[in-house]
Amino acid sequence: MLIIPREGGYMVRLYIELDKLQENQRISRDSVTADYLI
């Protein structure tokens, strides 16, 4: 994960690693939610 503090003093950005994809596989966006990332 990469944490980037954001402007304003309170907000942060989180870059979160998800699963590796197989060749020619695309991520199923419907299966990923904000709660999943948290």
ModelCIF file with pLDDT and N, C-alpha, C, O atoms, coordinates in Angstrom:
data_MODEL
#
_entry.id   MODEL 
#
_entity.id                         1 
_entity.type                       polymer 
_entity.pdbx_number_of_molecules   1 
#
_entity_poly.entity_id                      1 
_entity_poly.type                           'polypeptide(L)' 
_entity_poly.nstd_linkage                   no 
_entity_poly.nstd_monomer                   no 
_entity_poly.pdbx_seq_one_letter_code       MLIIPREGGYMVRLYIELDKLQENQRISRDSVTADYLI 
_entity_poly.pdbx_seq_one_letter_code_can   MLIIPREGGYMVRLYIELDKLQENQRISRDSVTADYLI 
_entity_poly.pdbx_strand_id                 A 
#
loop_
_entity_poly_seq.entity_id 
_entity_poly_seq.num 
_entity_poly_seq.mon_id 
_entity_poly_seq.hetero 
1 1  MET n 
1 2  LEU n 
1 3  ILE n 
1 4  ILE n 
1 5  PRO n 
1 6  ARG n 
1 7  GLU n 
1 8  GLY n 
1 9  GLY n 
1 10 TYR n 
1 11 MET n 
1 12 VAL n 
1 13 ARG n 
1 14 LEU n 
1 15 TYR n 
1 16 ILE n 
1 17 GLU n 
1 18 LEU n 
1 19 ASP n 
1 20 LYS n 
1 21 LEU n 
1 22 GLN n 
1 23 GLU n 
1 24 ASN n 
1 25 GLN n 
1 26 ARG n 
1 27 ILE n 
1 28 SER n 
1 29 ARG n 
1 30 ASP n 
1 31 SER n 
1 32 VAL n 
1 33 THR n 
1 34 ALA n 
1 35 ASP n 
1 36 TYR n 
1 37 LEU n 
1 38 ILE n 
#
_struct_asym.id          A 
_struct_asym.entity_id   1 
#
loop_
_ma_qa_metric.id 
_ma_qa_metric.mode 
_ma_qa_metric.name 
_ma_qa_metric.software_group_id 
_ma_qa_metric.type 
1 global pLDDT . pLDDT 
2 local  pLDDT . pLDDT 
#
_ma_qa_metric_global.metric_id      1 
_ma_qa_metric_global.metric_value   80.03 
_ma_qa_metric_global.model_id       1 
_ma_qa_metric_global.ordinal_id     1 
#
loop_
_ma_qa_metric_local.label_asym_id 
_ma_qa_metric_local.label_comp_id 
_ma_qa_metric_local.label_seq_id 
_ma_qa_metric_local.metric_id 
_ma_qa_metric_local.metric_value 
_ma_qa_metric_local.model_id 
_ma_qa_metric_local.ordinal_id 
A MET 1  2 93.00 1 1  
A LEU 2  2 93.00 1 2  
A ILE 3  2 96.00 1 3  
A ILE 4  2 94.00 1 4  
A PRO 5  2 97.00 1 5  
A ARG 6  2 95.00 1 6  
A GLU 7  2 95.00 1 7  
A GLY 8  2 95.00 1 8  
A GLY 9  2 95.00 1 9  
A TYR 10 2 96.00 1 10 
A MET 11 2 96.00 1 11 
A VAL 12 2 96.00 1 12 
A ARG 13 2 95.00 1 13 
A LEU 14 2 95.00 1 14 
A TYR 15 2 91.00 1 15 
A ILE 16 2 90.00 1 16 
A GLU 17 2 83.00 1 17 
A LEU 18 2 81.00 1 18 
A ASP 19 2 67.00 1 19 
A LYS 20 2 53.00 1 20 
A LEU 21 2 42.00 1 21 
A GLN 22 2 45.00 1 22 
A GLU 23 2 48.00 1 23 
A ASN 24 2 50.00 1 24 
A GLN 25 2 46.00 1 25 
A ARG 26 2 52.00 1 26 
A ILE 27 2 58.00 1 27 
A SER 28 2 62.00 1 28 
A ARG 29 2 60.00 1 29 
A ASP 30 2 66.00 1 30 
A SER 31 2 75.00 1 31 
A VAL 32 2 85.00 1 32 
A THR 33 2 91.00 1 33 
A ALA 34 2 93.00 1 34 
A ASP 35 2 93.00 1 35 
A TYR 36 2 91.00 1 36 
A LEU 37 2 93.00 1 37 
A ILE 38 2 95.00 1 38 
#
loop_
_atom_site.group_PDB 
_atom_site.id 
_atom_site.type_symbol 
_atom_site.label_atom_id 
_atom_site.label_alt_id 
_atom_site.label_comp_id 
_atom_site.label_asym_id 
_atom_site.label_entity_id 
_atom_site.label_seq_id 
_atom_site.pdbx_PDB_ins_code 
_atom_site.Cartn_x 
_atom_site.Cartn_y 
_atom_site.Cartn_z 
_atom_site.occupancy 
_atom_site.B_iso_or_equiv 
_atom_site.pdbx_formal_charge 
_atom_site.auth_seq_id 
_atom_site.auth_comp_id 
_atom_site.auth_asym_id 
_atom_site.auth_atom_id 
_atom_site.pdbx_PDB_model_num 
ATOM 1   N N  . MET A 1 1  ? 0.839   -1.194  0.000   1.00 93.00 ? 1  MET A N  1 
ATOM 2   C CA . MET A 1 1  ? 0.000   0.000   0.000   1.00 93.00 ? 1  MET A CA 1 
ATOM 3   C C  . MET A 1 1  ? 0.873   1.243   0.000   1.00 93.00 ? 1  MET A C  1 
ATOM 4   O O  . MET A 1 1  ? 1.987   1.246   0.525   1.00 93.00 ? 1  MET A O  1 
ATOM 5   N N  . LEU A 1 2  ? 0.345   2.288   -0.597  1.00 93.00 ? 2  LEU A N  1 
ATOM 6   C CA . LEU A 1 2  ? 0.988   3.598   -0.588  1.00 93.00 ? 2  LEU A CA 1 
ATOM 7   C C  . LEU A 1 2  ? 0.025   4.591   0.046   1.00 93.00 ? 2  LEU A C  1 
ATOM 8   O O  . LEU A 1 2  ? -1.127  4.699   -0.374  1.00 93.00 ? 2  LEU A O  1 
ATOM 9   N N  . ILE A 1 3  ? 0.495   5.313   1.053   1.00 96.00 ? 3  ILE A N  1 
ATOM 10  C CA . ILE A 1 3  ? -0.318  6.331   1.716   1.00 96.00 ? 3  ILE A CA 1 
ATOM 11  C C  . ILE A 1 3  ? 0.178   7.703   1.283   1.00 96.00 ? 3  ILE A C  1 
ATOM 12  O O  . ILE A 1 3  ? 1.361   8.020   1.409   1.00 96.00 ? 3  ILE A O  1 
ATOM 13  N N  . ILE A 1 4  ? -0.743  8.509   0.772   1.00 94.00 ? 4  ILE A N  1 
ATOM 14  C CA . ILE A 1 4  ? -0.428  9.874   0.349   1.00 94.00 ? 4  ILE A CA 1 
ATOM 15  C C  . ILE A 1 4  ? -1.322  10.825  1.132   1.00 94.00 ? 4  ILE A C  1 
ATOM 16  O O  . ILE A 1 4  ? -2.523  10.872  0.866   1.00 94.00 ? 4  ILE A O  1 
ATOM 17  N N  . PRO A 1 5  ? -0.792  11.586  2.087   1.00 97.00 ? 5  PRO A N  1 
ATOM 18  C CA . PRO A 1 5  ? -1.626  12.585  2.762   1.00 97.00 ? 5  PRO A CA 1 
ATOM 19  C C  . PRO A 1 5  ? -2.158  13.597  1.756   1.00 97.00 ? 5  PRO A C  1 
ATOM 20  O O  . PRO A 1 5  ? -1.468  13.968  0.807   1.00 97.00 ? 5  PRO A O  1 
ATOM 21  N N  . ARG A 1 6  ? -3.378  14.033  1.972   1.00 95.00 ? 6  ARG A N  1 
ATOM 22  C CA . ARG A 1 6  ? -4.006  14.974  1.062   1.00 95.00 ? 6  ARG A CA 1 
ATOM 23  C C  . ARG A 1 6  ? -4.077  16.357  1.689   1.00 95.00 ? 6  ARG A C  1 
ATOM 24  O O  . ARG A 1 6  ? -3.827  16.537  2.881   1.00 95.00 ? 6  ARG A O  1 
ATOM 25  N N  . GLU A 1 7  ? -4.422  17.316  0.864   1.00 95.00 ? 7  GLU A N  1 
ATOM 26  C CA . GLU A 1 7  ? -4.556  18.701  1.296   1.00 95.00 ? 7  GLU A CA 1 
ATOM 27  C C  . GLU A 1 7  ? -5.646  18.819  2.355   1.00 95.00 ? 7  GLU A C  1 
ATOM 28  O O  . GLU A 1 7  ? -6.560  17.998  2.420   1.00 95.00 ? 7  GLU A O  1 
ATOM 29  N N  . GLY A 1 8  ? -5.532  19.849  3.178   1.00 95.00 ? 8  GLY A N  1 
ATOM 30  C CA . GLY A 1 8  ? -6.554  20.118  4.180   1.00 95.00 ? 8  GLY A CA 1 
ATOM 31  C C  . GLY A 1 8  ? -6.246  19.599  5.561   1.00 95.00 ? 8  GLY A C  1 
ATOM 32  O O  . GLY A 1 8  ? -6.900  20.004  6.523   1.00 95.00 ? 8  GLY A O  1 
ATOM 33  N N  . GLY A 1 9  ? -5.258  18.704  5.699   1.00 95.00 ? 9  GLY A N  1 
ATOM 34  C CA . GLY A 1 9  ? -4.825  18.267  7.011   1.00 95.00 ? 9  GLY A CA 1 
ATOM 35  C C  . GLY A 1 9  ? -5.504  17.029  7.562   1.00 95.00 ? 9  GLY A C  1 
ATOM 36  O O  . GLY A 1 9  ? -5.077  16.508  8.592   1.00 95.00 ? 9  GLY A O  1 
ATOM 37  N N  . TYR A 1 10 ? -6.564  16.537  6.898   1.00 96.00 ? 10 TYR A N  1 
ATOM 38  C CA . TYR A 1 10 ? -7.320  15.425  7.456   1.00 96.00 ? 10 TYR A CA 1 
ATOM 39  C C  . TYR A 1 10 ? -7.481  14.253  6.482   1.00 96.00 ? 10 TYR A C  1 
ATOM 40  O O  . TYR A 1 10 ? -7.540  13.101  6.911   1.00 96.00 ? 10 TYR A O  1 
ATOM 41  N N  . MET A 1 11 ? -7.550  14.525  5.214   1.00 96.00 ? 11 MET A N  1 
ATOM 42  C CA . MET A 1 11 ? -7.822  13.477  4.233   1.00 96.00 ? 11 MET A CA 1 
ATOM 43  C C  . MET A 1 11 ? -6.525  12.806  3.798   1.00 96.00 ? 11 MET A C  1 
ATOM 44  O O  . MET A 1 11 ? -5.468  13.436  3.770   1.00 96.00 ? 11 MET A O  1 
ATOM 45  N N  . VAL A 1 12 ? -6.616  11.506  3.456   1.00 96.00 ? 12 VAL A N  1 
ATOM 46  C CA . VAL A 1 12 ? -5.473  10.779  2.917   1.00 96.00 ? 12 VAL A CA 1 
ATOM 47  C C  . VAL A 1 12 ? -5.937  9.973   1.706   1.00 96.00 ? 12 VAL A C  1 
ATOM 48  O O  . VAL A 1 12 ? -7.109  9.621   1.577   1.00 96.00 ? 12 VAL A O  1 
ATOM 49  N N  . ARG A 1 13 ? -4.975  9.691   0.821   1.00 95.00 ? 13 ARG A N  1 
ATOM 50  C CA . ARG A 1 13 ? -5.231  8.804   -0.314  1.00 95.00 ? 13 ARG A CA 1 
ATOM 51  C C  . ARG A 1 13 ? -4.536  7.481   -0.048  1.00 95.00 ? 13 ARG A C  1 
ATOM 52  O O  . ARG A 1 13 ? -3.375  7.453   0.362   1.00 95.00 ? 13 ARG A O  1 
ATOM 53  N N  . LEU A 1 14 ? -5.241  6.393   -0.281  1.00 95.00 ? 14 LEU A N  1 
ATOM 54  C CA . LEU A 1 14 ? -4.690  5.054   -0.114  1.00 95.00 ? 14 LEU A CA 1 
ATOM 55  C C  . LEU A 1 14 ? -4.650  4.354   -1.464  1.00 95.00 ? 14 LEU A C  1 
ATOM 56  O O  . LEU A 1 14 ? -5.685  4.197   -2.112  1.00 95.00 ? 14 LEU A O  1 
ATOM 57  N N  . TYR A 1 15 ? -3.466  3.933   -1.895  1.00 91.00 ? 15 TYR A N  1 
ATOM 58  C CA . TYR A 1 15 ? -3.307  3.056   -3.055  1.00 91.00 ? 15 TYR A CA 1 
ATOM 59  C C  . TYR A 1 15 ? -3.132  1.642   -2.512  1.00 91.00 ? 15 TYR A C  1 
ATOM 60  O O  . TYR A 1 15 ? -2.163  1.368   -1.803  1.00 91.00 ? 15 TYR A O  1 
ATOM 61  N N  . ILE A 1 16 ? -4.050  0.749   -2.834  1.00 90.00 ? 16 ILE A N  1 
ATOM 62  C CA . ILE A 1 16 ? -4.120  -0.569  -2.206  1.00 90.00 ? 16 ILE A CA 1 
ATOM 63  C C  . ILE A 1 16 ? -3.968  -1.650  -3.268  1.00 90.00 ? 16 ILE A C  1 
ATOM 64  O O  . ILE A 1 16 ? -4.703  -1.681  -4.255  1.00 90.00 ? 16 ILE A O  1 
ATOM 65  N N  . GLU A 1 17 ? -3.005  -2.530  -3.048  1.00 83.00 ? 17 GLU A N  1 
ATOM 66  C CA . GLU A 1 17 ? -2.775  -3.609  -3.994  1.00 83.00 ? 17 GLU A CA 1 
ATOM 67  C C  . GLU A 1 17 ? -3.903  -4.624  -3.930  1.00 83.00 ? 17 GLU A C  1 
ATOM 68  O O  . GLU A 1 17 ? -4.310  -5.048  -2.849  1.00 83.00 ? 17 GLU A O  1 
ATOM 69  N N  . LEU A 1 18 ? -4.406  -5.010  -5.100  1.00 81.00 ? 18 LEU A N  1 
ATOM 70  C CA . LEU A 1 18 ? -5.401  -6.069  -5.200  1.00 81.00 ? 18 LEU A CA 1 
ATOM 71  C C  . LEU A 1 18 ? -4.743  -7.313  -5.790  1.00 81.00 ? 18 LEU A C  1 
ATOM 72  O O  . LEU A 1 18 ? -3.517  -7.377  -5.871  1.00 81.00 ? 18 LEU A O  1 
ATOM 73  N N  . ASP A 1 19 ? -5.514  -8.275  -6.190  1.00 67.00 ? 19 ASP A N  1 
ATOM 74  C CA . ASP A 1 19 ? -4.950  -9.534  -6.658  1.00 67.00 ? 19 ASP A CA 1 
ATOM 75  C C  . ASP A 1 19 ? -4.281  -9.380  -8.021  1.00 67.00 ? 19 ASP A C  1 
ATOM 76  O O  . ASP A 1 19 ? -4.662  -8.533  -8.829  1.00 67.00 ? 19 ASP A O  1 
ATOM 77  N N  . LYS A 1 20 ? -3.279  -10.217 -8.253  1.00 53.00 ? 20 LYS A N  1 
ATOM 78  C CA . LYS A 1 20 ? -2.674  -10.311 -9.578  1.00 53.00 ? 20 LYS A CA 1 
ATOM 79  C C  . LYS A 1 20 ? -3.717  -10.836 -10.563 1.00 53.00 ? 20 LYS A C  1 
ATOM 80  O O  . LYS A 1 20 ? -4.578  -11.638 -10.202 1.00 53.00 ? 20 LYS A O  1 
ATOM 81  N N  . LEU A 1 21 ? -3.631  -10.378 -11.801 1.00 42.00 ? 21 LEU A N  1 
ATOM 82  C CA . LEU A 1 21 ? -4.564  -10.817 -12.837 1.00 42.00 ? 21 LEU A CA 1 
ATOM 83  C C  . LEU A 1 21 ? -3.883  -11.836 -13.744 1.00 42.00 ? 21 LEU A C  1 
ATOM 84  O O  . LEU A 1 21 ? -2.670  -11.793 -13.946 1.00 42.00 ? 21 LEU A O  1 
ATOM 85  N N  . GLN A 1 22 ? -4.667  -12.735 -14.278 1.00 45.00 ? 22 GLN A N  1 
ATOM 86  C CA . GLN A 1 22 ? -4.143  -13.685 -15.250 1.00 45.00 ? 22 GLN A CA 1 
ATOM 87  C C  . GLN A 1 22 ? -3.984  -12.983 -16.607 1.00 45.00 ? 22 GLN A C  1 
ATOM 88  O O  . GLN A 1 22 ? -4.528  -11.900 -16.822 1.00 45.00 ? 22 GLN A O  1 
ATOM 89  N N  . GLU A 1 23 ? -3.240  -13.608 -17.503 1.00 48.00 ? 23 GLU A N  1 
ATOM 90  C CA . GLU A 1 23 ? -3.026  -13.029 -18.827 1.00 48.00 ? 23 GLU A CA 1 
ATOM 91  C C  . GLU A 1 23 ? -4.373  -12.775 -19.518 1.00 48.00 ? 23 GLU A C  1 
ATOM 92  O O  . GLU A 1 23 ? -5.237  -13.651 -19.562 1.00 48.00 ? 23 GLU A O  1 
ATOM 93  N N  . ASN A 1 24 ? -4.531  -11.570 -20.051 1.00 50.00 ? 24 ASN A N  1 
ATOM 94  C CA . ASN A 1 24 ? -5.749  -11.134 -20.760 1.00 50.00 ? 24 ASN A CA 1 
ATOM 95  C C  . ASN A 1 24 ? -6.962  -11.006 -19.846 1.00 50.00 ? 24 ASN A C  1 
ATOM 96  O O  . ASN A 1 24 ? -8.075  -10.801 -20.328 1.00 50.00 ? 24 ASN A O  1 
ATOM 97  N N  . GLN A 1 25 ? -6.762  -11.125 -18.521 1.00 46.00 ? 25 GLN A N  1 
ATOM 98  C CA . GLN A 1 25 ? -7.875  -10.953 -17.586 1.00 46.00 ? 25 GLN A CA 1 
ATOM 99  C C  . GLN A 1 25 ? -8.060  -9.492  -17.248 1.00 46.00 ? 25 GLN A C  1 
ATOM 100 O O  . GLN A 1 25 ? -7.076  -8.771  -17.079 1.00 46.00 ? 25 GLN A O  1 
ATOM 101 N N  . ARG A 1 26 ? -9.290  -9.041  -17.146 1.00 52.00 ? 26 ARG A N  1 
ATOM 102 C CA . ARG A 1 26 ? -9.596  -7.692  -16.715 1.00 52.00 ? 26 ARG A CA 1 
ATOM 103 C C  . ARG A 1 26 ? -10.261 -7.754  -15.343 1.00 52.00 ? 26 ARG A C  1 
ATOM 104 O O  . ARG A 1 26 ? -10.929 -8.733  -15.013 1.00 52.00 ? 26 ARG A O  1 
ATOM 105 N N  . ILE A 1 27 ? -10.077 -6.727  -14.567 1.00 58.00 ? 27 ILE A N  1 
ATOM 106 C CA . ILE A 1 27 ? -10.634 -6.714  -13.219 1.00 58.00 ? 27 ILE A CA 1 
ATOM 107 C C  . ILE A 1 27 ? -12.158 -6.608  -13.280 1.00 58.00 ? 27 ILE A C  1 
ATOM 108 O O  . ILE A 1 27 ? -12.708 -5.883  -14.109 1.00 58.00 ? 27 ILE A O  1 
ATOM 109 N N  . SER A 1 28 ? -12.817 -7.327  -12.407 1.00 62.00 ? 28 SER A N  1 
ATOM 110 C CA . SER A 1 28 ? -14.272 -7.252  -12.299 1.00 62.00 ? 28 SER A CA 1 
ATOM 111 C C  . SER A 1 28 ? -14.616 -6.119  -11.332 1.00 62.00 ? 28 SER A C  1 
ATOM 112 O O  . SER A 1 28 ? -14.591 -6.295  -10.114 1.00 62.00 ? 28 SER A O  1 
ATOM 113 N N  . ARG A 1 29 ? -14.930 -4.987  -11.881 1.00 60.00 ? 29 ARG A N  1 
ATOM 114 C CA . ARG A 1 29 ? -15.171 -3.815  -11.039 1.00 60.00 ? 29 ARG A CA 1 
ATOM 115 C C  . ARG A 1 29 ? -16.396 -3.996  -10.151 1.00 60.00 ? 29 ARG A C  1 
ATOM 116 O O  . ARG A 1 29 ? -16.477 -3.394  -9.080  1.00 60.00 ? 29 ARG A O  1 
ATOM 117 N N  . ASP A 1 30 ? -17.342 -4.810  -10.579 1.00 66.00 ? 30 ASP A N  1 
ATOM 118 C CA . ASP A 1 30 ? -18.538 -5.026  -9.759  1.00 66.00 ? 30 ASP A CA 1 
ATOM 119 C C  . ASP A 1 30 ? -18.210 -5.772  -8.466  1.00 66.00 ? 30 ASP A C  1 
ATOM 120 O O  . ASP A 1 30 ? -18.946 -5.678  -7.483  1.00 66.00 ? 30 ASP A O  1 
ATOM 121 N N  . SER A 1 31 ? -17.101 -6.512  -8.475  1.00 75.00 ? 31 SER A N  1 
ATOM 122 C CA . SER A 1 31 ? -16.756 -7.304  -7.295  1.00 75.00 ? 31 SER A CA 1 
ATOM 123 C C  . SER A 1 31 ? -15.954 -6.507  -6.278  1.00 75.00 ? 31 SER A C  1 
ATOM 124 O O  . SER A 1 31 ? -15.732 -6.977  -5.163  1.00 75.00 ? 31 SER A O  1 
ATOM 125 N N  . VAL A 1 32 ? -15.520 -5.317  -6.644  1.00 85.00 ? 32 VAL A N  1 
ATOM 126 C CA . VAL A 1 32 ? -14.725 -4.484  -5.746  1.00 85.00 ? 32 VAL A CA 1 
ATOM 127 C C  . VAL A 1 32 ? -15.582 -3.314  -5.276  1.00 85.00 ? 32 VAL A C  1 
ATOM 128 O O  . VAL A 1 32 ? -16.157 -2.585  -6.083  1.00 85.00 ? 32 VAL A O  1 
ATOM 129 N N  . THR A 1 33 ? -15.656 -3.150  -3.972  1.00 91.00 ? 33 THR A N  1 
ATOM 130 C CA . THR A 1 33 ? -16.413 -2.051  -3.391  1.00 91.00 ? 33 THR A CA 1 
ATOM 131 C C  . THR A 1 33 ? -15.495 -1.232  -2.496  1.00 91.00 ? 33 THR A C  1 
ATOM 132 O O  . THR A 1 33 ? -14.359 -1.627  -2.234  1.00 91.00 ? 33 THR A O  1 
ATOM 133 N N  . ALA A 1 34 ? -15.988 -0.096  -2.029  1.00 93.00 ? 34 ALA A N  1 
ATOM 134 C CA . ALA A 1 34 ? -15.202 0.711   -1.095  1.00 93.00 ? 34 ALA A CA 1 
ATOM 135 C C  . ALA A 1 34 ? -14.924 -0.079  0.184   1.00 93.00 ? 34 ALA A C  1 
ATOM 136 O O  . ALA A 1 34 ? -13.827 0.005   0.736   1.00 93.00 ? 34 ALA A O  1 
ATOM 137 N N  . ASP A 1 35 ? -15.903 -0.840  0.655   1.00 93.00 ? 35 ASP A N  1 
ATOM 138 C CA . ASP A 1 35 ? -15.704 -1.643  1.859   1.00 93.00 ? 35 ASP A CA 1 
ATOM 139 C C  . ASP A 1 35 ? -14.633 -2.710  1.639   1.00 93.00 ? 35 ASP A C  1 
ATOM 140 O O  . ASP A 1 35 ? -13.864 -3.020  2.549   1.00 93.00 ? 35 ASP A O  1 
ATOM 141 N N  . TYR A 1 36 ? -14.583 -3.266  0.440   1.00 91.00 ? 36 TYR A N  1 
ATOM 142 C CA . TYR A 1 36 ? -13.557 -4.267  0.100   1.00 91.00 ? 36 TYR A CA 1 
ATOM 143 C C  . TYR A 1 36 ? -12.170 -3.643  0.213   1.00 91.00 ? 36 TYR A C  1 
ATOM 144 O O  . TYR A 1 36 ? -11.254 -4.258  0.760   1.00 91.00 ? 36 TYR A O  1 
ATOM 145 N N  . LEU A 1 37 ? -12.011 -2.418  -0.304  1.00 93.00 ? 37 LEU A N  1 
ATOM 146 C CA . LEU A 1 37 ? -10.718 -1.741  -0.238  1.00 93.00 ? 37 LEU A CA 1 
ATOM 147 C C  . LEU A 1 37 ? -10.351 -1.392  1.198   1.00 93.00 ? 37 LEU A C  1 
ATOM 148 O O  . LEU A 1 37 ? -9.192  -1.519  1.592   1.00 93.00 ? 37 LEU A O  1 
ATOM 149 N N  . ILE A 1 38 ? -11.320 -0.958  1.969   1.00 95.00 ? 38 ILE A N  1 
ATOM 150 C CA . ILE A 1 38 ? -11.058 -0.606  3.372   1.00 95.00 ? 38 ILE A CA 1 
ATOM 151 C C  . ILE A 1 38 ? -10.596 -1.846  4.147   1.00 95.00 ? 38 ILE A C  1 
ATOM 152 O O  . ILE A 1 38 ? -10.324 -1.760  5.344   1.00 95.00 ? 38 ILE A O  1 
#
